[in-house]
Each structure stands twice: as C-alpha cells, then as structure tokens.
Amino acid sequence: MQLITRYAFRDYGAFRTAFDADAEDRGRNGLSLLQLWREGTGHAWALYQVNDAKAARAYLDGAAKAFESQAGVTGTQAHFVETA
C-alpha cells in the first residue's frame, strides 16, 4: 500500500524545513518517503510506502496536524492506494 498526499502551503522554504524535520516521526508511524515533487510555488506531492496502515492513519489524524501547523500547510489531500 502507498499513500499519495498533496500539500498546499504559503512558503516552500518553511514547508520543506518542517517536512524534513518531520521525517523521523513519519517513519515511526509507518511511512517511508519514496518521492517528493513540487508543483508550482504553493503545492507539493509526496509518495510514501505504507509499512503500517493503522499507524499511518493515526498519524494523519493526529501528529500530522502539528507538522502542518509548523509547515504553514493550508490544506492537504491524502489518498491510500494499492497497485491495481
């Protein structure tokens, strides 16, 4: 299973600093970053390998909110996907 997340933010520098600082917490919660793409000046897409779906969902419902606040994230869209 993988997770694709689209982040909207005000400032890429602040987003990237907080995103990098959050890597260990994401890892403890079952997510391994596979790729990060930047879309224009206000969006980024992240592709994660999901190693523990329950922990990943709990992270999105809780700890991810702290990261989003620190990163200046104004919106997210997260989708769990599997190879068809």
N, C-alpha and C. Protein backbone atom coordinates (compact mmCIF):
# COMPACT_ATOMS: atom_id res chain seq x y z
N MET A 1 0.85 -1.17 0.00
CA MET A 1 0.00 0.00 0.00
C MET A 1 0.89 1.23 0.00
N GLN A 2 0.40 2.26 -0.68
CA GLN A 2 1.11 3.53 -0.70
C GLN A 2 0.15 4.66 -0.37
N LEU A 3 0.72 5.79 -0.04
CA LEU A 3 -0.05 6.98 0.30
C LEU A 3 0.45 8.12 -0.58
N ILE A 4 -0.47 8.78 -1.27
CA ILE A 4 -0.15 9.97 -2.05
C ILE A 4 -0.80 11.14 -1.34
N THR A 5 0.01 12.16 -1.03
CA THR A 5 -0.50 13.33 -0.32
C THR A 5 -0.14 14.59 -1.10
N ARG A 6 -1.11 15.46 -1.26
CA ARG A 6 -0.87 16.77 -1.88
C ARG A 6 -0.98 17.82 -0.78
N TYR A 7 0.07 18.61 -0.65
CA TYR A 7 0.12 19.67 0.35
C TYR A 7 -0.01 21.03 -0.34
N ALA A 8 -0.78 21.92 0.23
CA ALA A 8 -0.82 23.33 -0.17
C ALA A 8 -0.17 24.12 0.96
N PHE A 9 0.65 25.10 0.61
CA PHE A 9 1.37 25.86 1.62
C PHE A 9 1.62 27.28 1.13
N ARG A 10 1.99 28.14 2.08
CA ARG A 10 2.26 29.54 1.75
C ARG A 10 3.70 29.77 1.34
N ASP A 11 4.64 29.06 1.98
CA ASP A 11 6.06 29.31 1.75
C ASP A 11 6.80 27.98 1.63
N TYR A 12 7.41 27.74 0.48
CA TYR A 12 8.07 26.46 0.25
C TYR A 12 9.23 26.23 1.23
N GLY A 13 10.01 27.24 1.52
CA GLY A 13 11.14 27.09 2.43
C GLY A 13 10.70 26.61 3.81
N ALA A 14 9.65 27.23 4.34
CA ALA A 14 9.13 26.83 5.65
C ALA A 14 8.55 25.42 5.58
N PHE A 15 7.84 25.12 4.49
CA PHE A 15 7.29 23.78 4.32
C PHE A 15 8.41 22.74 4.30
N ARG A 16 9.43 22.98 3.49
CA ARG A 16 10.48 21.97 3.32
C ARG A 16 11.27 21.76 4.61
N THR A 17 11.54 22.82 5.34
CA THR A 17 12.25 22.69 6.61
C THR A 17 11.45 21.84 7.59
N ALA A 18 10.16 22.12 7.73
CA ALA A 18 9.32 21.34 8.64
C ALA A 18 9.12 19.92 8.13
N PHE A 19 8.99 19.75 6.81
CA PHE A 19 8.82 18.42 6.22
C PHE A 19 10.03 17.55 6.53
N ASP A 20 11.21 18.09 6.33
CA ASP A 20 12.43 17.33 6.61
C ASP A 20 12.56 17.00 8.10
N ALA A 21 12.19 17.94 8.95
CA ALA A 21 12.27 17.72 10.40
C ALA A 21 11.26 16.67 10.87
N ASP A 22 10.20 16.45 10.11
CA ASP A 22 9.15 15.51 10.49
C ASP A 22 9.43 14.08 10.01
N ALA A 23 10.52 13.87 9.29
CA ALA A 23 10.81 12.56 8.69
C ALA A 23 10.85 11.43 9.73
N GLU A 24 11.49 11.67 10.85
CA GLU A 24 11.60 10.62 11.87
C GLU A 24 10.23 10.25 12.43
N ASP A 25 9.39 11.25 12.66
CA ASP A 25 8.05 10.98 13.18
C ASP A 25 7.22 10.20 12.17
N ARG A 26 7.30 10.56 10.90
CA ARG A 26 6.58 9.80 9.87
C ARG A 26 7.06 8.36 9.85
N GLY A 27 8.37 8.16 9.95
CA GLY A 27 8.93 6.81 9.95
C GLY A 27 8.44 5.97 11.11
N ARG A 28 8.35 6.58 12.29
CA ARG A 28 7.85 5.86 13.47
C ARG A 28 6.37 5.50 13.31
N ASN A 29 5.71 6.18 12.39
CA ASN A 29 4.28 5.95 12.18
C ASN A 29 3.98 5.22 10.87
N GLY A 30 4.94 4.43 10.42
CA GLY A 30 4.69 3.53 9.31
C GLY A 30 4.80 4.10 7.91
N LEU A 31 5.39 5.29 7.77
CA LEU A 31 5.50 5.91 6.45
C LEU A 31 6.96 6.09 6.05
N SER A 32 7.30 5.67 4.84
CA SER A 32 8.63 5.87 4.28
C SER A 32 8.48 6.68 3.00
N LEU A 33 9.14 7.83 2.94
CA LEU A 33 9.05 8.69 1.76
C LEU A 33 9.73 8.04 0.57
N LEU A 34 9.01 7.94 -0.54
CA LEU A 34 9.57 7.42 -1.79
C LEU A 34 9.95 8.56 -2.73
N GLN A 35 9.11 9.60 -2.77
CA GLN A 35 9.37 10.71 -3.69
C GLN A 35 8.63 11.94 -3.22
N LEU A 36 9.22 13.10 -3.43
CA LEU A 36 8.57 14.38 -3.15
C LEU A 36 8.68 15.23 -4.41
N TRP A 37 7.54 15.74 -4.88
CA TRP A 37 7.53 16.60 -6.06
C TRP A 37 6.98 17.96 -5.67
N ARG A 38 7.48 18.98 -6.33
CA ARG A 38 6.99 20.34 -6.13
C ARG A 38 6.11 20.71 -7.32
N GLU A 39 4.95 21.29 -7.04
CA GLU A 39 4.02 21.71 -8.09
C GLU A 39 3.85 23.22 -7.98
N GLY A 40 4.44 23.94 -8.89
CA GLY A 40 4.35 25.40 -8.85
C GLY A 40 4.99 25.96 -7.58
N THR A 41 4.45 27.05 -7.10
CA THR A 41 5.04 27.69 -5.92
C THR A 41 4.30 27.39 -4.63
N GLY A 42 3.13 26.77 -4.71
CA GLY A 42 2.35 26.59 -3.49
C GLY A 42 1.87 25.20 -3.20
N HIS A 43 2.41 24.19 -3.92
CA HIS A 43 1.96 22.82 -3.70
C HIS A 43 3.12 21.83 -3.81
N ALA A 44 2.97 20.72 -3.11
CA ALA A 44 3.91 19.61 -3.23
C ALA A 44 3.12 18.32 -3.12
N TRP A 45 3.63 17.29 -3.77
CA TRP A 45 3.07 15.94 -3.70
C TRP A 45 4.11 15.03 -3.07
N ALA A 46 3.68 14.16 -2.16
CA ALA A 46 4.57 13.18 -1.56
C ALA A 46 4.00 11.79 -1.78
N LEU A 47 4.89 10.87 -2.13
CA LEU A 47 4.52 9.47 -2.28
C LEU A 47 5.23 8.70 -1.19
N TYR A 48 4.46 7.98 -0.37
CA TYR A 48 5.01 7.22 0.74
C TYR A 48 4.71 5.73 0.56
N GLN A 49 5.63 4.91 1.01
CA GLN A 49 5.35 3.48 1.21
C GLN A 49 4.72 3.36 2.59
N VAL A 50 3.61 2.65 2.69
CA VAL A 50 2.92 2.48 3.96
C VAL A 50 3.32 1.13 4.53
N ASN A 51 4.04 1.15 5.62
CA ASN A 51 4.50 -0.08 6.27
C ASN A 51 3.57 -0.53 7.39
N ASP A 52 2.76 0.39 7.89
CA ASP A 52 1.81 0.09 8.97
C ASP A 52 0.61 1.01 8.76
N ALA A 53 -0.42 0.49 8.11
CA ALA A 53 -1.58 1.31 7.75
C ALA A 53 -2.28 1.91 8.96
N LYS A 54 -2.41 1.15 10.03
CA LYS A 54 -3.09 1.65 11.23
C LYS A 54 -2.32 2.83 11.83
N ALA A 55 -1.01 2.69 11.95
CA ALA A 55 -0.18 3.77 12.49
C ALA A 55 -0.19 4.98 11.56
N ALA A 56 -0.17 4.75 10.26
CA ALA A 56 -0.17 5.85 9.29
C ALA A 56 -1.47 6.64 9.38
N ARG A 57 -2.58 5.94 9.49
CA ARG A 57 -3.88 6.62 9.61
C ARG A 57 -3.95 7.42 10.92
N ALA A 58 -3.43 6.86 11.99
CA ALA A 58 -3.41 7.56 13.27
C ALA A 58 -2.53 8.81 13.18
N TYR A 59 -1.40 8.71 12.50
CA TYR A 59 -0.52 9.86 12.30
C TYR A 59 -1.26 10.97 11.55
N LEU A 60 -1.95 10.62 10.48
CA LEU A 60 -2.68 11.62 9.70
C LEU A 60 -3.77 12.30 10.52
N ASP A 61 -4.39 11.56 11.43
CA ASP A 61 -5.46 12.11 12.27
C ASP A 61 -4.93 12.90 13.46
N GLY A 62 -3.63 12.78 13.77
CA GLY A 62 -3.10 13.43 14.97
C GLY A 62 -1.82 14.21 14.74
N ALA A 63 -0.70 13.53 14.80
CA ALA A 63 0.61 14.18 14.76
C ALA A 63 0.85 14.97 13.48
N ALA A 64 0.25 14.57 12.38
CA ALA A 64 0.44 15.31 11.12
C ALA A 64 -0.09 16.74 11.24
N LYS A 65 -1.08 16.94 12.09
CA LYS A 65 -1.64 18.28 12.26
C LYS A 65 -0.60 19.24 12.85
N ALA A 66 0.25 18.75 13.75
CA ALA A 66 1.31 19.58 14.32
C ALA A 66 2.32 19.94 13.23
N PHE A 67 2.71 18.96 12.42
CA PHE A 67 3.62 19.24 11.30
C PHE A 67 3.01 20.28 10.37
N GLU A 68 1.75 20.10 10.00
CA GLU A 68 1.09 21.02 9.07
C GLU A 68 1.08 22.44 9.61
N SER A 69 0.85 22.59 10.90
CA SER A 69 0.86 23.91 11.52
C SER A 69 2.25 24.54 11.44
N GLN A 70 3.27 23.78 11.77
CA GLN A 70 4.66 24.28 11.71
C GLN A 70 5.10 24.59 10.29
N ALA A 71 4.58 23.84 9.32
CA ALA A 71 5.00 23.97 7.93
C ALA A 71 4.21 25.04 7.17
N GLY A 72 3.20 25.61 7.79
CA GLY A 72 2.37 26.59 7.09
C GLY A 72 1.48 25.95 6.04
N VAL A 73 1.11 24.69 6.26
CA VAL A 73 0.24 23.98 5.31
C VAL A 73 -1.17 24.54 5.43
N THR A 74 -1.76 24.87 4.30
CA THR A 74 -3.11 25.43 4.28
C THR A 74 -4.16 24.40 3.86
N GLY A 75 -3.72 23.24 3.39
CA GLY A 75 -4.64 22.18 3.01
C GLY A 75 -3.89 20.93 2.59
N THR A 76 -4.52 19.77 2.79
CA THR A 76 -3.93 18.51 2.35
C THR A 76 -5.02 17.63 1.75
N GLN A 77 -4.57 16.76 0.86
CA GLN A 77 -5.41 15.71 0.32
C GLN A 77 -4.57 14.44 0.40
N ALA A 78 -5.05 13.45 1.12
CA ALA A 78 -4.30 12.21 1.30
C ALA A 78 -5.12 11.03 0.79
N HIS A 79 -4.45 10.17 0.02
CA HIS A 79 -5.13 9.03 -0.59
C HIS A 79 -4.29 7.77 -0.41
N PHE A 80 -4.85 6.76 0.24
CA PHE A 80 -4.21 5.46 0.32
C PHE A 80 -4.55 4.71 -0.96
N VAL A 81 -3.52 4.17 -1.63
CA VAL A 81 -3.72 3.49 -2.91
C VAL A 81 -2.98 2.16 -2.91
N GLU A 82 -3.45 1.26 -3.77
CA GLU A 82 -2.79 -0.03 -3.96
C GLU A 82 -2.66 -0.29 -5.46
N THR A 83 -1.68 -1.05 -5.83
CA THR A 83 -1.49 -1.41 -7.22
C THR A 83 -2.71 -2.20 -7.70
N ALA A 84 -3.23 -1.80 -8.84
CA ALA A 84 -4.43 -2.46 -9.39
C ALA A 84 -4.05 -3.69 -10.19
